[in-house]
């Protein structure tokens, strides 16, 4: 009986992963940056992320981060989801420290230097590798290195 339950659970997880992969096939990596935490971040805290020309994003870390911990952020975008009111990426998964989803509020040109400000993390910068238009979906992945 337990083996049957595990198989059904495994089949469901594979189907969900395939659906998520299909939804994210238009996603491109826009940039990444590394930095350090300037203060402690508890997993119960709601952390704000402010990025130039992107709405304010929020995430809850999946574990505590201490002052001085090295982190890496990866910014991905999907222009195929432009103008959609509802996020199809609604299922949040813990990706290392966290993941935040939002939309651009203005245009970001290729090679623009973009500033990322996260609560209790030093200001990070990266050069955009793709043009983004207002309304494009953006996903930020925060990882502890």
Protein backbone atom coordinates (compact mmCIF):
# COMPACT_ATOMS: atom_id res chain seq x y z
CA UNK A 1 0.00 0.00 0.00
CA UNK A 2 2.81 2.44 0.83
CA UNK A 3 4.56 1.56 -2.43
CA UNK A 4 1.38 2.40 -4.37
CA UNK A 5 1.11 5.77 -2.57
CA UNK A 6 4.78 6.57 -3.28
CA UNK A 7 4.31 5.73 -6.97
CA UNK A 8 1.23 7.97 -7.25
CA UNK A 9 3.09 10.77 -5.47
CA UNK A 10 6.08 10.35 -7.79
CA UNK A 11 3.86 10.35 -10.89
CA UNK A 12 2.11 13.52 -9.70
CA UNK A 13 5.46 15.26 -9.06
CA UNK A 14 6.70 14.34 -12.56
CA UNK A 15 3.49 15.65 -14.14
CA UNK A 16 3.71 18.93 -12.19
CA UNK A 17 7.38 19.35 -13.14
CA UNK A 18 6.56 18.77 -16.82
CA UNK A 19 3.76 21.36 -16.61
CA UNK A 20 6.06 23.88 -14.96
CA UNK A 21 8.80 23.26 -17.54
CA UNK A 22 6.25 23.86 -20.33
CA UNK A 23 5.12 27.13 -18.72
CA UNK A 24 8.71 28.33 -18.34
CA UNK A 25 9.99 27.39 -21.80
CA UNK A 26 9.96 31.06 -22.91
CA UNK A 27 12.04 32.13 -19.90
CA UNK A 28 15.51 33.61 -20.50
CA UNK A 29 18.27 34.41 -18.03
CA UNK A 30 18.63 38.19 -17.83
CA UNK A 31 21.49 38.36 -15.36
CA UNK A 32 23.01 37.29 -12.08
CA UNK A 33 24.93 38.91 -9.26
CA UNK A 34 26.64 37.88 -6.04
CA UNK A 35 26.96 39.65 -2.73
CA UNK A 36 26.80 39.25 1.04
CA UNK A 37 24.13 39.63 3.67
CA UNK A 38 24.63 42.82 5.69
CA UNK A 39 22.38 41.62 8.49
CA UNK A 40 20.60 38.52 9.74
CA UNK A 41 17.54 37.37 7.79
CA UNK A 42 15.23 34.94 9.55
CA UNK A 43 13.13 32.46 7.64
CA UNK A 44 10.01 33.98 9.22
CA UNK A 45 10.84 37.44 7.76
CA UNK A 46 9.20 38.78 4.62
CA UNK A 47 12.05 40.22 2.57
CA UNK A 48 11.55 43.00 -0.01
CA UNK A 49 13.38 43.06 -3.32
CA UNK A 50 13.54 46.32 -5.24
CA UNK A 51 14.86 46.28 -8.79
CA UNK A 52 15.01 49.16 -11.27
CA UNK A 53 11.85 49.13 -13.46
CA UNK A 54 10.36 46.07 -11.71
CA UNK A 55 7.54 46.06 -9.19
CA UNK A 56 8.54 45.53 -5.54
CA UNK A 57 8.86 41.80 -4.94
CA UNK A 58 8.69 39.86 -1.68
CA UNK A 59 9.81 36.42 -0.56
CA UNK A 60 10.16 34.39 2.62
CA UNK A 61 13.51 32.60 2.90
CA UNK A 62 13.37 28.84 3.39
CA UNK A 63 16.12 29.06 6.04
CA UNK A 64 17.94 31.66 8.14
CA UNK A 65 20.73 33.73 6.62
CA UNK A 66 23.39 35.23 8.87
CA UNK A 67 25.31 38.48 8.43
CA UNK A 68 28.19 37.88 6.02
CA UNK A 69 26.63 34.84 4.29
CA UNK A 70 27.42 34.94 0.56
CA UNK A 71 24.36 34.93 -1.70
CA UNK A 72 23.75 34.78 -5.43
CA UNK A 73 20.71 36.06 -7.28
CA UNK A 74 19.60 34.97 -10.73
CA UNK A 75 17.12 37.07 -12.68
CA UNK A 76 15.00 35.37 -15.34
CA UNK A 77 12.26 36.87 -17.51
CA UNK A 78 9.52 35.65 -19.82
CA UNK A 79 8.13 38.05 -22.41
CA UNK A 80 5.55 35.49 -23.57
CA UNK A 81 3.63 36.21 -20.36
CA UNK A 82 3.45 39.97 -21.00
CA UNK A 83 0.15 41.55 -20.09
CA UNK A 84 -1.29 38.57 -18.26
CA UNK A 85 -2.87 39.57 -15.00
CA UNK A 86 -2.43 36.23 -13.28
CA UNK A 87 0.91 34.56 -12.69
CA UNK A 88 0.90 31.06 -14.09
CA UNK A 89 3.98 30.32 -11.99
CA UNK A 90 1.74 30.38 -8.93
CA UNK A 91 3.27 27.29 -7.36
CA UNK A 92 6.20 28.55 -5.31
CA UNK A 93 9.03 26.19 -4.60
CA UNK A 94 11.90 26.63 -2.25
CA UNK A 95 14.93 27.25 -4.41
CA UNK A 96 17.75 27.48 -1.91
CA UNK A 97 16.87 30.66 0.03
CA UNK A 98 13.87 31.83 -1.97
CA UNK A 99 12.14 32.85 -5.16
CA UNK A 100 10.09 35.94 -6.02
CA UNK A 101 7.84 36.61 -9.00
CA UNK A 102 6.66 39.87 -10.51
CA UNK A 103 6.35 42.06 -13.59
CA UNK A 104 8.40 44.86 -15.08
CA UNK A 105 6.99 48.37 -14.67
CA UNK A 106 9.15 49.88 -17.41
CA UNK A 107 11.47 48.93 -20.25
CA UNK A 108 14.93 47.54 -19.50
CA UNK A 109 17.35 47.66 -22.41
CA UNK A 110 20.03 45.13 -23.17
CA UNK A 111 23.29 46.06 -21.45
CA UNK A 112 21.58 48.46 -18.99
CA UNK A 113 23.10 48.25 -15.52
CA UNK A 114 20.32 47.14 -13.20
CA UNK A 115 20.46 47.69 -9.43
CA UNK A 116 18.97 45.11 -7.08
CA UNK A 117 18.25 46.12 -3.50
CA UNK A 118 17.27 43.36 -1.09
CA UNK A 119 16.58 43.97 2.61
CA UNK A 120 19.74 43.19 4.67
CA UNK A 121 21.81 42.46 1.55
CA UNK A 122 24.32 44.78 -0.06
CA UNK A 123 23.16 46.49 -3.28
CA UNK A 124 23.82 44.20 -6.23
CA UNK A 125 24.27 45.17 -9.88
CA UNK A 126 24.19 43.26 -13.14
CA UNK A 127 24.10 44.08 -16.85
CA UNK A 128 20.89 42.98 -18.55
CA UNK A 129 21.49 40.41 -21.29
CA UNK A 130 18.04 40.86 -22.86
CA UNK A 131 15.58 43.63 -23.68
CA UNK A 132 12.53 43.61 -21.42
CA UNK A 133 9.34 45.54 -22.04
CA UNK A 134 6.79 46.79 -19.55
CA UNK A 135 4.66 43.88 -18.32
CA UNK A 136 7.20 41.08 -18.85
CA UNK A 137 7.20 38.46 -16.11
CA UNK A 138 10.30 38.34 -13.94
CA UNK A 139 11.50 35.62 -11.59
CA UNK A 140 14.27 36.22 -9.04
CA UNK A 141 16.04 33.23 -7.50
CA UNK A 142 17.99 33.88 -4.29
CA UNK A 143 20.58 31.26 -3.32
CA UNK A 144 23.05 30.90 -0.50
CA UNK A 145 26.45 30.13 -1.98
